[in-house]
Amino acid sequence: MELPPHDVPAKGVLEWELIALPSPFKSDTWVTSMEILPGDPSVVHHICFSFEKHLPTTVYNRYEWVQVPRDETGNPTPGNSGFGELPGMTIATRDVGSSEVKLRPGKPSLRQNLDFCYLPGNTYDDYRAWNAGKLVPAGSDIIVSLHYTANGSDVVDRSKIGFTVAKTPPPKKFVVQGAGEDTPVIAPTPASERAVFASTYNPSFAIPPNTGSYVAPPMDITFLKDVEIVRLRPHAHVRGKSAQYRITYPDGREEIVLDVPHYDFNWQLSYGTTLKVPKGSRMRFGFTYDNSPNNKFNPDPNRWVYQGFQSWEEMMAPNLGFLLDRDADVGGLMSVAN
């Protein structure tokens, strides 16, 4: 499946764009692997997509993004967030094949759950080893999130999405946090209402200039059911330095289940595991960042760095993948607090 060709200018800030496309599946389908082939990896920061129920209001082949107010350096202007989730947002839209950008006040009309993402070092998901898949109901839409970073040259990106499908329903299903079919994996909390777990926002996150080891405010989740975790994937941007996932079990025992001492934005790995976690366990995510001149990928060690979607901003995204029985309810597996 080919995505529409996308012009990427040589310079400028490109915000995250969402676009809705009809799913190629005309009947209920179990997808057993997914792959994204970027047309030009030099400008693709990420491409993510999820299968969503079609809504009467959904418009196909139209890019939509939050027009974040920014200064000449690319930073959001005072009072704004790089995530753009504030009252008085301006929404920009552009039809495929058109250069005309239309602006309106309000909220985005498209939402997605990041079922799968292309990131440097992470190009495909294959659930067949777990005898699992993802159910795509008939008539679903594919909501694609596109983020490009200008590289100094005008580029036309032509990316593709590929799938394998099961002839019969597999016994298990794979879900990522926040990506339920009808009910969310995350139980509603004030923190998760502010931003999805995959790009969790904390207003106290602020990396000072020339700081070699900034410890981000930790994030905790509590598991509300027995779960089996099969994938761990930390995500940060160019100042990301390390990541650690630690579990405290109901009996008080602690265990480090993932330790990434040398995080690399240019080679972001998904770590496979088989981790059965009992109800009541608590997992803490800790990330550190290098905003010093010693970080060769640091675009400017002299600036404060806040959370946002751009590569020169930062993220703290402790992604998890779960394995459930095919007919299990995916609602309320965990709650989030940070």
Protein backbone atom coordinates (compact mmCIF):
# COMPACT_ATOMS: atom_id res chain seq x y z
CA MET A 1 0.00 0.00 0.00
CA GLU A 2 1.56 3.28 -1.14
CA LEU A 3 1.13 6.49 0.83
CA PRO A 4 0.52 9.69 -1.15
CA PRO A 5 3.78 11.35 -2.28
CA HIS A 6 4.76 14.00 0.25
CA ASP A 7 6.86 17.10 -0.52
CA VAL A 8 9.43 17.83 2.19
CA PRO A 9 10.95 21.33 1.86
CA ALA A 10 14.67 21.94 2.33
CA LYS A 11 14.09 24.14 5.39
CA GLY A 12 11.48 24.90 7.99
CA VAL A 13 9.58 23.20 10.81
CA LEU A 14 7.15 20.46 9.86
CA GLU A 15 4.65 19.56 12.56
CA TRP A 16 3.21 16.05 12.98
CA GLU A 17 0.60 15.47 10.29
CA LEU A 18 -2.29 13.00 10.38
CA ILE A 19 -4.01 11.65 7.32
CA ALA A 20 -6.92 9.20 6.98
CA LEU A 21 -6.89 6.50 4.30
CA PRO A 22 -9.40 3.69 3.74
CA SER A 23 -8.19 0.30 4.91
CA PRO A 24 -7.54 -2.19 2.09
CA PHE A 25 -9.45 -4.88 4.02
CA LYS A 26 -13.12 -5.27 3.06
CA SER A 27 -13.89 -7.93 5.69
CA ASP A 28 -12.72 -8.59 9.25
CA THR A 29 -9.02 -9.39 8.93
CA TRP A 30 -6.32 -10.56 11.33
CA VAL A 31 -3.04 -8.83 10.47
CA THR A 32 -0.02 -10.88 11.55
CA SER A 33 2.82 -8.54 10.58
CA MET A 34 3.23 -4.93 9.51
CA GLU A 35 6.09 -3.08 7.86
CA ILE A 36 6.73 0.50 6.80
CA LEU A 37 9.24 1.16 4.04
CA PRO A 38 10.26 4.84 4.16
CA GLY A 39 10.76 6.43 0.78
CA ASP A 40 13.60 8.68 1.98
CA PRO A 41 14.88 7.75 5.46
CA SER A 42 16.96 10.94 5.62
CA VAL A 43 13.83 13.04 6.18
CA VAL A 44 11.48 10.54 7.89
CA HIS A 45 11.54 11.14 11.66
CA HIS A 46 8.74 8.61 12.04
CA ILE A 47 5.67 7.17 10.36
CA CYS A 48 3.05 5.62 12.62
CA PHE A 49 -0.42 4.29 11.89
CA SER A 50 -3.38 2.63 13.54
CA PHE A 51 -6.61 1.04 12.38
CA GLU A 52 -9.59 3.10 13.53
CA LYS A 53 -13.34 2.82 13.18
CA HIS A 54 -14.59 4.93 10.29
CA LEU A 55 -16.52 8.02 11.34
CA PRO A 56 -18.97 9.95 9.13
CA THR A 57 -16.88 13.07 9.74
CA THR A 58 -13.61 11.51 8.54
CA VAL A 59 -12.21 13.08 5.38
CA TYR A 60 -9.79 10.98 3.34
CA ASN A 61 -6.57 12.24 1.73
CA ARG A 62 -6.33 15.42 3.78
CA TYR A 63 -3.35 16.23 5.99
CA GLU A 64 -4.18 17.74 9.38
CA TRP A 65 -1.87 19.16 12.04
CA VAL A 66 -1.74 21.52 15.01
CA GLN A 67 -0.15 24.81 14.00
CA VAL A 68 2.14 25.29 17.02
CA PRO A 69 3.17 28.95 17.50
CA ARG A 70 6.98 29.03 17.30
CA ASP A 71 9.70 31.67 17.43
CA GLU A 72 12.52 32.07 14.90
CA THR A 73 14.58 29.33 16.64
CA GLY A 74 11.81 26.75 16.35
CA ASN A 75 10.87 26.86 20.03
CA PRO A 76 7.17 27.19 20.95
CA THR A 77 6.36 30.75 21.95
CA PRO A 78 5.83 31.43 25.69
CA GLY A 79 2.65 29.84 26.99
CA ASN A 80 2.59 27.16 24.30
CA SER A 81 3.66 23.53 24.32
CA GLY A 82 5.54 21.66 21.61
CA PHE A 83 2.69 19.14 21.79
CA GLY A 84 0.25 21.90 20.82
CA GLU A 85 -2.49 20.59 23.13
CA LEU A 86 -3.71 23.87 24.58
CA PRO A 87 -6.93 25.93 24.51
CA GLY A 88 -7.21 28.11 21.45
CA MET A 89 -5.41 25.71 19.13
CA THR A 90 -5.17 26.43 15.43
CA ILE A 91 -5.69 23.42 13.16
CA ALA A 92 -4.15 23.41 9.69
CA THR A 93 -5.31 21.18 6.83
CA ARG A 94 -4.04 20.54 3.31
CA ASP A 95 -5.50 18.25 0.67
CA VAL A 96 -3.19 15.72 -0.96
CA GLY A 97 -1.78 17.22 -4.15
CA SER A 98 -2.56 20.80 -3.08
CA SER A 99 -0.29 23.46 -1.61
CA GLU A 100 -3.19 25.44 -0.11
CA VAL A 101 -3.20 25.37 3.70
CA LYS A 102 -6.48 26.15 5.47
CA LEU A 103 -6.58 27.22 9.11
CA ARG A 104 -9.39 26.88 11.65
CA PRO A 105 -9.70 27.15 15.44
CA GLY A 106 -10.59 24.05 17.43
CA LYS A 107 -9.26 20.55 18.00
CA PRO A 108 -7.91 17.92 15.60
CA SER A 109 -10.58 15.77 13.98
CA LEU A 110 -8.30 12.72 13.63
CA ARG A 111 -6.97 10.53 16.43
CA GLN A 112 -4.74 7.46 16.41
CA ASN A 113 -3.26 4.97 18.87
CA LEU A 114 0.17 4.31 17.35
CA ASP A 115 -0.49 0.63 16.63
CA PHE A 116 2.79 0.50 14.73
CA CYS A 117 5.62 2.95 14.05
CA TYR A 118 8.58 3.13 11.73
CA LEU A 119 11.58 4.55 13.60
CA PRO A 120 15.25 4.32 12.64
CA GLY A 121 16.21 0.76 13.57
CA ASN A 122 12.58 -0.37 13.85
CA THR A 123 10.90 -1.11 10.52
CA TYR A 124 8.48 -3.99 11.10
CA ASP A 125 6.37 -5.91 13.65
CA ASP A 126 5.84 -9.67 13.30
CA TYR A 127 3.33 -11.32 15.63
CA ARG A 128 3.49 -14.79 14.07
CA ALA A 129 6.13 -16.06 16.52
CA TRP A 130 3.58 -15.45 19.31
CA ASN A 131 0.70 -17.01 17.33
CA ALA A 132 -0.87 -13.57 17.52
CA GLY A 133 -2.27 -10.83 15.33
CA LYS A 134 -4.27 -7.63 15.31
CA LEU A 135 -7.92 -7.64 14.33
CA VAL A 136 -8.88 -5.07 11.70
CA PRO A 137 -12.69 -4.81 11.53
CA ALA A 138 -14.26 -4.43 8.10
CA GLY A 139 -14.61 -0.83 7.03
CA SER A 140 -11.79 0.45 9.23
CA ASP A 141 -9.70 3.45 8.32
CA ILE A 142 -5.93 3.71 8.53
CA ILE A 143 -4.88 6.88 10.35
CA VAL A 144 -1.27 7.67 9.53
CA SER A 145 0.95 10.01 11.52
CA LEU A 146 3.77 11.55 9.49
CA HIS A 147 6.71 13.51 10.84
CA TYR A 148 9.39 14.83 8.54
CA THR A 149 12.57 16.75 9.38
CA ALA A 150 14.07 19.01 6.71
CA ASN A 151 17.63 18.04 5.69
CA GLY A 152 18.65 20.98 3.50
CA SER A 153 17.33 19.57 0.21
CA ASP A 154 13.86 19.47 -1.33
CA VAL A 155 12.66 15.86 -1.18
CA VAL A 156 9.58 13.94 -2.28
CA ASP A 157 8.95 11.06 0.09
CA ARG A 158 7.17 7.98 -1.25
CA SER A 159 6.68 5.59 1.65
CA LYS A 160 4.84 2.27 1.68
CA ILE A 161 2.99 0.09 4.21
CA GLY A 162 2.89 -3.70 3.95
CA PHE A 163 0.97 -6.45 5.78
CA THR A 164 0.66 -10.19 6.13
CA VAL A 165 -2.72 -11.63 7.14
CA ALA A 166 -3.93 -14.84 8.79
CA LYS A 167 -6.22 -17.29 7.01
CA THR A 168 -7.80 -18.19 10.38
CA PRO A 169 -7.98 -16.13 13.60
CA PRO A 170 -4.85 -16.65 15.73
CA PRO A 171 -5.23 -17.66 19.41
CA LYS A 172 -3.58 -14.48 20.72
CA LYS A 173 -3.72 -10.77 19.99
CA PHE A 174 -0.99 -8.18 20.35
CA VAL A 175 -1.82 -4.75 21.75
CA VAL A 176 0.25 -1.69 22.56
CA GLN A 177 -0.52 0.60 25.46
CA GLY A 178 -3.32 3.00 24.62
CA ALA A 179 -4.32 1.00 21.54
CA GLY A 180 -7.51 -0.87 22.36
CA GLU A 181 -10.12 -1.72 19.75
CA ASP A 182 -13.02 -0.18 21.66
CA THR A 183 -11.70 0.52 25.16
CA PRO A 184 -8.30 1.92 26.10
CA VAL A 185 -5.53 -0.16 27.60
CA ILE A 186 -4.90 2.72 29.99
CA ALA A 187 -7.51 3.44 32.62
CA PRO A 188 -8.46 7.15 32.45
CA THR A 189 -6.40 9.35 34.76
CA PRO A 190 -5.65 13.10 34.72
CA ALA A 191 -2.17 12.33 33.40
CA SER A 192 -3.36 10.17 30.52
CA GLU A 193 -6.03 12.69 29.61
CA ARG A 194 -3.31 15.30 29.07
CA ALA A 195 -1.38 13.24 26.55
CA VAL A 196 -1.27 9.64 25.39
CA PHE A 197 1.20 7.36 27.11
CA ALA A 198 3.30 7.07 23.98
CA SER A 199 4.29 10.75 24.23
CA THR A 200 3.60 11.49 27.89
CA TYR A 201 3.70 15.15 28.80
CA ASN A 202 5.02 16.46 32.11
CA PRO A 203 5.16 20.26 32.55
CA SER A 204 8.11 19.96 34.97
CA PHE A 205 10.26 18.32 32.27
CA ALA A 206 12.93 20.95 31.43
CA ILE A 207 16.55 20.22 30.49
CA PRO A 208 18.92 23.09 31.42
CA PRO A 209 21.59 24.22 28.96
CA ASN A 210 24.96 22.45 29.02
CA THR A 211 23.75 19.61 31.22
CA GLY A 212 25.33 16.23 30.59
CA SER A 213 23.02 13.97 32.59
CA TYR A 214 19.55 15.40 33.18
CA VAL A 215 17.31 12.96 35.05
CA ALA A 216 13.73 13.37 33.81
CA PRO A 217 10.80 13.29 36.23
CA PRO A 218 10.06 9.57 36.59
CA MET A 219 6.84 8.04 35.36
CA ASP A 220 4.96 5.20 37.05
CA ILE A 221 2.22 2.85 35.97
CA THR A 222 0.24 0.35 38.02
CA PHE A 223 -1.01 -2.87 36.43
CA LEU A 224 -4.69 -3.42 37.14
CA LYS A 225 -4.74 -6.97 35.76
CA ASP A 226 -2.31 -9.86 35.30
CA VAL A 227 -0.47 -9.10 32.04
CA GLU A 228 2.16 -10.60 29.76
CA ILE A 229 4.58 -8.05 28.31
CA VAL A 230 6.40 -9.14 25.17
CA ARG A 231 7.96 -5.90 23.95
CA LEU A 232 9.73 -2.90 25.48
CA ARG A 233 10.65 0.10 23.35
CA PRO A 234 11.98 3.31 24.88
CA HIS A 235 11.76 6.43 22.73
CA ALA A 236 13.50 9.77 23.15
CA HIS A 237 15.03 12.24 20.72
CA VAL A 238 18.59 13.36 19.96
CA ARG A 239 19.43 14.23 23.57
CA GLY A 240 18.27 10.86 24.88
CA LYS A 241 21.08 9.20 26.87
CA SER A 242 19.70 6.20 28.76
CA ALA A 243 16.48 4.47 29.76
CA GLN A 244 15.56 2.02 32.49
CA TYR A 245 12.36 0.11 33.30
CA ARG A 246 11.99 -1.16 36.87
CA ILE A 247 9.16 -3.29 38.34
CA THR A 248 8.11 -3.44 41.98
CA TYR A 249 6.02 -6.56 42.52
CA PRO A 250 3.14 -6.78 45.04
CA ASP A 251 5.41 -8.60 47.52
CA GLY A 252 7.90 -5.70 47.46
CA ARG A 253 10.49 -7.41 45.28
CA GLU A 254 12.14 -5.13 42.69
CA GLU A 255 13.55 -6.05 39.29
CA ILE A 256 15.15 -4.06 36.48
CA VAL A 257 13.54 -5.48 33.34
CA LEU A 258 15.21 -3.18 30.79
CA ASP A 259 18.42 -1.17 31.03
CA VAL A 260 19.57 0.82 27.98
CA PRO A 261 22.74 2.64 29.09
CA HIS A 262 23.53 4.06 25.63
CA TYR A 263 20.30 5.11 23.93
CA ASP A 264 20.75 5.98 20.24
CA PHE A 265 18.10 8.04 18.45
CA ASN A 266 19.48 6.83 15.11
CA TRP A 267 19.04 3.14 16.00
CA GLN A 268 15.92 2.69 18.11
CA LEU A 269 15.35 -0.93 19.02
CA SER A 270 12.34 -2.87 20.25
CA TYR A 271 13.39 -5.32 22.94
CA GLY A 272 11.53 -8.62 22.96
CA THR A 273 10.80 -10.31 26.26
CA THR A 274 8.41 -12.69 28.01
CA LEU A 275 7.45 -10.99 31.23
CA LYS A 276 4.39 -12.08 33.19
CA VAL A 277 3.42 -9.31 35.57
CA PRO A 278 0.86 -9.89 38.34
CA LYS A 279 -1.94 -7.48 39.13
CA GLY A 280 -0.86 -4.72 41.52
CA SER A 281 2.71 -4.50 40.24
CA ARG A 282 4.15 -1.06 39.62
CA MET A 283 6.57 -0.16 36.84
CA ARG A 284 8.78 2.94 36.94
CA PHE A 285 10.37 4.42 33.82
CA GLY A 286 13.51 6.51 34.16
CA PHE A 287 15.14 8.44 31.31
CA THR A 288 18.26 10.62 31.26
CA TYR A 289 19.32 13.18 28.65
CA ASP A 290 22.58 14.74 27.48
CA ASN A 291 22.27 18.43 26.58
CA SER A 292 26.02 19.04 26.68
CA PRO A 293 28.58 19.77 23.93
CA ASN A 294 29.82 16.19 24.41
CA ASN A 295 26.68 14.90 22.68
CA LYS A 296 27.64 14.92 19.00
CA PHE A 297 23.96 14.85 17.97
CA ASN A 298 23.05 17.87 20.11
CA PRO A 299 21.94 20.72 17.82
CA ASP A 300 22.38 23.41 20.50
CA PRO A 301 23.66 22.74 24.04
CA ASN A 302 23.01 26.37 25.01
CA ARG A 303 19.21 26.17 24.92
CA TRP A 304 16.63 24.94 27.39
CA VAL A 305 14.91 21.83 26.07
CA TYR A 306 11.27 20.97 26.69
CA GLN A 307 8.97 18.19 25.56
CA GLY A 308 7.61 18.29 22.06
CA PHE A 309 7.33 16.46 18.76
CA GLN A 310 10.37 17.94 17.02
CA SER A 311 13.76 16.24 17.06
CA TRP A 312 15.33 19.23 18.84
CA GLU A 313 12.63 18.96 21.50
CA GLU A 314 12.41 15.84 23.65
CA MET A 315 10.17 12.91 24.40
CA MET A 316 9.92 10.34 27.17
CA ALA A 317 7.95 7.49 25.66
CA PRO A 318 8.21 4.10 27.42
CA ASN A 319 6.28 1.97 24.94
CA LEU A 320 5.01 -1.48 25.95
CA GLY A 321 3.55 -4.35 23.94
CA PHE A 322 1.17 -6.91 25.50
CA LEU A 323 -0.03 -10.36 24.54
CA LEU A 324 -3.65 -11.25 25.34
CA ASP A 325 -6.03 -14.07 24.56
CA ARG A 326 -7.82 -13.41 21.28
CA ASP A 327 -11.19 -12.62 22.88
CA ALA A 328 -9.88 -10.90 26.03
CA ASP A 329 -11.10 -7.45 27.02
CA VAL A 330 -8.29 -4.94 26.45
CA GLY A 331 -9.76 -2.27 28.72
CA GLY A 332 -8.08 -0.96 31.85
CA LEU A 333 -4.86 -3.00 31.92
CA MET A 334 -3.01 -0.26 33.75
CA SER A 335 -3.25 3.24 35.17
CA VAL A 336 -0.71 6.02 34.68
CA ALA A 337 0.62 8.56 37.15
CA ASN A 338 3.55 10.90 36.74
